[in-house]
């Protein structure tokens, strides 16, 4: 939505926007209550979601978050929480482009420098399954594409 507002402010500079240019507002308003509820639900469930994803990762591969003697679980948790929070905000404001450009593309460089592509793949695949347990179909339809985008951008190429 913010990207669309920015584009509209440039496109309609010095004139009134057309009805067609304002249609994204109608779309947003139809889903605003759902988005607010989803945002609040993700905020409440964040810890549970992250812990369940972690348990699933460790059950599949107990050393998945270890590099040599170093346990990267705490770093993984911080990174996963950060990504979930940004995805929640992108859901709230209906702006996947902003999420991709301002968060994921920057974070991709960080994840690749750590060689964390496989971890990102399995993390965001598992997270999509887990959030579906707690969310309505409509809520999952909003957040899961962002989680899939996270997997695709941050995961192994």
C-alpha atoms as a PDB file:
ATOM      1  CA  UNK A   1       0.000   0.000   0.000  1.00  0.00           C
ATOM      2  CA  UNK A   2       2.792   2.437   0.816  1.00  0.00           C
ATOM      3  CA  UNK A   3       4.443   1.693  -2.522  1.00  0.00           C
ATOM      4  CA  UNK A   4       1.121   2.243  -4.249  1.00  0.00           C
ATOM      5  CA  UNK A   5       0.577   5.509  -2.371  1.00  0.00           C
ATOM      6  CA  UNK A   6       4.055   6.659  -3.331  1.00  0.00           C
ATOM      7  CA  UNK A   7       3.436   5.763  -6.970  1.00  0.00           C
ATOM      8  CA  UNK A   8       0.048   7.522  -6.894  1.00  0.00           C
ATOM      9  CA  UNK A   9       1.537  10.686  -5.403  1.00  0.00           C
ATOM     10  CA  UNK A  10       4.011  10.858  -8.289  1.00  0.00           C
ATOM     11  CA  UNK A  11       1.527   9.871 -11.005  1.00  0.00           C
ATOM     12  CA  UNK A  12      -1.183  12.294  -9.854  1.00  0.00           C
ATOM     13  CA  UNK A  13       1.149  15.174  -9.053  1.00  0.00           C
ATOM     14  CA  UNK A  14      -0.777  18.416  -9.527  1.00  0.00           C
ATOM     15  CA  UNK A  15      -4.105  16.747 -10.357  1.00  0.00           C
ATOM     16  CA  UNK A  16      -6.805  14.666  -8.750  1.00  0.00           C
ATOM     17  CA  UNK A  17      -6.374  10.914  -8.969  1.00  0.00           C
ATOM     18  CA  UNK A  18      -8.767   9.015 -11.199  1.00  0.00           C
ATOM     19  CA  UNK A  19     -11.199   6.411  -9.867  1.00  0.00           C
ATOM     20  CA  UNK A  20      -9.075   3.694 -11.453  1.00  0.00           C
ATOM     21  CA  UNK A  21      -5.960   5.005  -9.715  1.00  0.00           C
ATOM     22  CA  UNK A  22      -7.777   4.862  -6.375  1.00  0.00           C
ATOM     23  CA  UNK A  23      -9.005   1.258  -6.713  1.00  0.00           C
ATOM     24  CA  UNK A  24      -6.224  -0.140  -4.520  1.00  0.00           C
ATOM     25  CA  UNK A  25      -7.813   1.753  -1.611  1.00  0.00           C
ATOM     26  CA  UNK A  26     -11.066  -0.145  -2.164  1.00  0.00           C
ATOM     27  CA  UNK A  27      -9.203  -3.436  -2.149  1.00  0.00           C
ATOM     28  CA  UNK A  28      -7.343  -2.535   1.023  1.00  0.00           C
ATOM     29  CA  UNK A  29     -10.454  -1.361   2.811  1.00  0.00           C
ATOM     30  CA  UNK A  30     -12.204  -4.662   2.055  1.00  0.00           C
ATOM     31  CA  UNK A  31      -9.415  -6.549   3.846  1.00  0.00           C
ATOM     32  CA  UNK A  32      -8.353  -4.001   6.482  1.00  0.00           C
ATOM     33  CA  UNK A  33     -10.168  -5.611   9.429  1.00  0.00           C
ATOM     34  CA  UNK A  34      -8.775  -9.026   8.473  1.00  0.00           C
ATOM     35  CA  UNK A  35      -5.257  -7.581   8.196  1.00  0.00           C
ATOM     36  CA  UNK A  36      -5.479  -5.863  11.581  1.00  0.00           C
ATOM     37  CA  UNK A  37      -6.678  -9.096  13.177  1.00  0.00           C
ATOM     38  CA  UNK A  38      -3.946 -11.104  11.480  1.00  0.00           C
ATOM     39  CA  UNK A  39      -1.286  -8.663  12.658  1.00  0.00           C
ATOM     40  CA  UNK A  40      -2.499  -8.897  16.248  1.00  0.00           C
ATOM     41  CA  UNK A  41      -2.731 -12.685  16.084  1.00  0.00           C
ATOM     42  CA  UNK A  42       0.816 -12.992  14.739  1.00  0.00           C
ATOM     43  CA  UNK A  43       2.029 -10.718  17.510  1.00  0.00           C
ATOM     44  CA  UNK A  44       0.400 -12.966  20.117  1.00  0.00           C
ATOM     45  CA  UNK A  45       1.544 -16.214  18.493  1.00  0.00           C
ATOM     46  CA  UNK A  46       5.064 -15.179  17.527  1.00  0.00           C
ATOM     47  CA  UNK A  47       6.868 -17.088  20.263  1.00  0.00           C
ATOM     48  CA  UNK A  48       4.769 -20.220  19.780  1.00  0.00           C
ATOM     49  CA  UNK A  49       5.253 -20.196  16.000  1.00  0.00           C
ATOM     50  CA  UNK A  50       9.024 -19.709  16.240  1.00  0.00           C
ATOM     51  CA  UNK A  51       9.375 -22.412  18.915  1.00  0.00           C
ATOM     52  CA  UNK A  52       7.357 -24.892  16.841  1.00  0.00           C
ATOM     53  CA  UNK A  53       9.441 -24.175  13.745  1.00  0.00           C
ATOM     54  CA  UNK A  54      12.606 -24.637  15.807  1.00  0.00           C
ATOM     55  CA  UNK A  55      11.338 -27.934  17.242  1.00  0.00           C
ATOM     56  CA  UNK A  56      10.485 -29.154  13.750  1.00  0.00           C
ATOM     57  CA  UNK A  57      13.923 -28.201  12.397  1.00  0.00           C
ATOM     58  CA  UNK A  58      15.715 -29.914  15.266  1.00  0.00           C
ATOM     59  CA  UNK A  59      13.553 -33.032  15.014  1.00  0.00           C
ATOM     60  CA  UNK A  60      14.474 -33.376  11.335  1.00  0.00           C
ATOM     61  CA  UNK A  61      18.146 -32.580  11.881  1.00  0.00           C
ATOM     62  CA  UNK A  62      19.424 -32.065  15.454  1.00  0.00           C
ATOM     63  CA  UNK A  63      22.573 -30.313  14.195  1.00  0.00           C
ATOM     64  CA  UNK A  64      20.836 -28.118  11.630  1.00  0.00           C
ATOM     65  CA  UNK A  65      21.752 -24.936  13.480  1.00  0.00           C
ATOM     66  CA  UNK A  66      25.323 -25.850  14.337  1.00  0.00           C
ATOM     67  CA  UNK A  67      28.485 -24.891  12.537  1.00  0.00           C
ATOM     68  CA  UNK A  68      31.322 -26.878  14.045  1.00  0.00           C
ATOM     69  CA  UNK A  69      31.130 -26.369  17.794  1.00  0.00           C
ATOM     70  CA  UNK A  70      29.072 -23.188  17.469  1.00  0.00           C
ATOM     71  CA  UNK A  71      25.325 -23.359  18.163  1.00  0.00           C
ATOM     72  CA  UNK A  72      23.537 -20.733  16.027  1.00  0.00           C
ATOM     73  CA  UNK A  73      20.096 -21.280  17.546  1.00  0.00           C
ATOM     74  CA  UNK A  74      19.961 -17.838  19.211  1.00  0.00           C
ATOM     75  CA  UNK A  75      20.970 -16.109  15.958  1.00  0.00           C
ATOM     76  CA  UNK A  76      18.440 -18.189  14.034  1.00  0.00           C
ATOM     77  CA  UNK A  77      15.714 -17.168  16.493  1.00  0.00           C
ATOM     78  CA  UNK A  78      16.545 -13.457  16.205  1.00  0.00           C
ATOM     79  CA  UNK A  79      16.618 -13.638  12.407  1.00  0.00           C
ATOM     80  CA  UNK A  80      13.403 -15.662  12.222  1.00  0.00           C
ATOM     81  CA  UNK A  81      11.558 -13.309  14.582  1.00  0.00           C
ATOM     82  CA  UNK A  82      12.796 -10.297  12.598  1.00  0.00           C
ATOM     83  CA  UNK A  83      11.585 -11.793   9.329  1.00  0.00           C
ATOM     84  CA  UNK A  84       8.201 -12.779  10.801  1.00  0.00           C
ATOM     85  CA  UNK A  85       7.707  -9.277  12.196  1.00  0.00           C
ATOM     86  CA  UNK A  86       8.518  -7.634   8.875  1.00  0.00           C
ATOM     87  CA  UNK A  87       6.180 -10.071   7.096  1.00  0.00           C
ATOM     88  CA  UNK A  88       3.452  -9.229   9.626  1.00  0.00           C
ATOM     89  CA  UNK A  89       3.908  -5.527   8.915  1.00  0.00           C
ATOM     90  CA  UNK A  90       3.840  -6.138   5.161  1.00  0.00           C
ATOM     91  CA  UNK A  91       0.590  -8.055   5.698  1.00  0.00           C
ATOM     92  CA  UNK A  92      -0.867  -5.200   7.702  1.00  0.00           C
ATOM     93  CA  UNK A  93      -0.027  -2.523   5.143  1.00  0.00           C
ATOM     94  CA  UNK A  94      -0.534  -4.809   2.118  1.00  0.00           C
ATOM     95  CA  UNK A  95       2.857  -4.062   0.642  1.00  0.00           C
ATOM     96  CA  UNK A  96       4.799  -7.150  -0.462  1.00  0.00           C
ATOM     97  CA  UNK A  97       6.969  -5.045  -2.777  1.00  0.00           C
ATOM     98  CA  UNK A  98       8.229  -2.913   0.084  1.00  0.00           C
ATOM     99  CA  UNK A  99       8.889  -6.085   2.125  1.00  0.00           C
ATOM    100  CA  UNK A 100      10.904  -7.612  -0.697  1.00  0.00           C
ATOM    101  CA  UNK A 101      12.869  -4.481  -1.523  1.00  0.00           C
ATOM    102  CA  UNK A 102      13.589  -3.101   1.944  1.00  0.00           C
ATOM    103  CA  UNK A 103      13.908  -6.271   3.982  1.00  0.00           C
ATOM    104  CA  UNK A 104      14.423  -9.447   1.993  1.00  0.00           C
ATOM    105  CA  UNK A 105      16.923  -8.276  -0.596  1.00  0.00           C
ATOM    106  CA  UNK A 106      19.104  -6.731   2.113  1.00  0.00           C
ATOM    107  CA  UNK A 107      18.734  -9.763   4.385  1.00  0.00           C
ATOM    108  CA  UNK A 108      19.521 -12.111   1.491  1.00  0.00           C
ATOM    109  CA  UNK A 109      23.096 -10.791   1.464  1.00  0.00           C
ATOM    110  CA  UNK A 110      23.434 -11.516   5.179  1.00  0.00           C
ATOM    111  CA  UNK A 111      21.989 -15.020   4.910  1.00  0.00           C
ATOM    112  CA  UNK A 112      24.176 -15.898   1.937  1.00  0.00           C
ATOM    113  CA  UNK A 113      27.281 -14.699   3.758  1.00  0.00           C
ATOM    114  CA  UNK A 114      26.473 -17.183   6.515  1.00  0.00           C
ATOM    115  CA  UNK A 115      25.621 -19.953   4.040  1.00  0.00           C
ATOM    116  CA  UNK A 116      22.152 -20.168   5.586  1.00  0.00           C
ATOM    117  CA  UNK A 117      20.201 -20.918   2.410  1.00  0.00           C
ATOM    118  CA  UNK A 118      19.171 -24.438   3.392  1.00  0.00           C
ATOM    119  CA  UNK A 119      18.155 -23.289   6.867  1.00  0.00           C
ATOM    120  CA  UNK A 120      16.006 -20.533   5.347  1.00  0.00           C
ATOM    121  CA  UNK A 121      14.344 -22.989   2.970  1.00  0.00           C
ATOM    122  CA  UNK A 122      13.294 -25.371   5.714  1.00  0.00           C
ATOM    123  CA  UNK A 123      12.442 -22.592   8.178  1.00  0.00           C
ATOM    124  CA  UNK A 124       9.958 -20.794   5.946  1.00  0.00           C
ATOM    125  CA  UNK A 125       8.492 -24.013   4.528  1.00  0.00           C
ATOM    126  CA  UNK A 126       7.832 -25.232   8.068  1.00  0.00           C
ATOM    127  CA  UNK A 127       6.512 -21.849   9.153  1.00  0.00           C
ATOM    128  CA  UNK A 128       3.874 -21.878   6.418  1.00  0.00           C
ATOM    129  CA  UNK A 129       2.582 -25.220   7.666  1.00  0.00           C
ATOM    130  CA  UNK A 130       2.624 -24.121  11.303  1.00  0.00           C
ATOM    131  CA  UNK A 131       0.859 -20.776  10.828  1.00  0.00           C
ATOM    132  CA  UNK A 132      -1.944 -22.544   8.991  1.00  0.00           C
ATOM    133  CA  UNK A 133      -2.687 -24.409  12.245  1.00  0.00           C
ATOM    134  CA  UNK A 134      -3.395 -21.128  14.033  1.00  0.00           C
ATOM    135  CA  UNK A 135      -4.843 -18.900  11.327  1.00  0.00           C
ATOM    136  CA  UNK A 136      -8.037 -18.855   9.333  1.00  0.00           C
ATOM    137  CA  UNK A 137      -7.852 -19.703   5.640  1.00  0.00           C
ATOM    138  CA  UNK A 138      -8.237 -16.006   4.820  1.00  0.00           C
ATOM    139  CA  UNK A 139      -5.455 -14.961   7.203  1.00  0.00           C
ATOM    140  CA  UNK A 140      -3.118 -17.666   5.900  1.00  0.00           C
ATOM    141  CA  UNK A 141      -3.821 -16.484   2.346  1.00  0.00           C
ATOM    142  CA  UNK A 142      -2.359 -13.110   3.311  1.00  0.00           C
ATOM    143  CA  UNK A 143       0.756 -14.170   5.270  1.00  0.00           C
ATOM    144  CA  UNK A 144       1.790 -17.409   3.537  1.00  0.00           C
ATOM    145  CA  UNK A 145       2.722 -15.779   0.210  1.00  0.00           C
ATOM    146  CA  UNK A 146       5.064 -13.478   2.150  1.00  0.00           C
ATOM    147  CA  UNK A 147       6.579 -16.450   3.967  1.00  0.00           C
ATOM    148  CA  UNK A 148       7.004 -18.223   0.636  1.00  0.00           C
ATOM    149  CA  UNK A 149       8.660 -15.085  -0.751  1.00  0.00           C
ATOM    150  CA  UNK A 150      10.977 -15.175   2.289  1.00  0.00           C
ATOM    151  CA  UNK A 151      11.847 -18.797   1.509  1.00  0.00           C
ATOM    152  CA  UNK A 152      12.421 -18.075  -2.161  1.00  0.00           C
ATOM    153  CA  UNK A 153      14.582 -14.986  -1.615  1.00  0.00           C
ATOM    154  CA  UNK A 154      16.525 -16.093   1.459  1.00  0.00           C
ATOM    155  CA  UNK A 155      16.785 -19.789   0.624  1.00  0.00           C
ATOM    156  CA  UNK A 156      19.230 -21.613  -1.582  1.00  0.00           C
ATOM    157  CA  UNK A 157      19.113 -20.468  -5.200  1.00  0.00           C
END
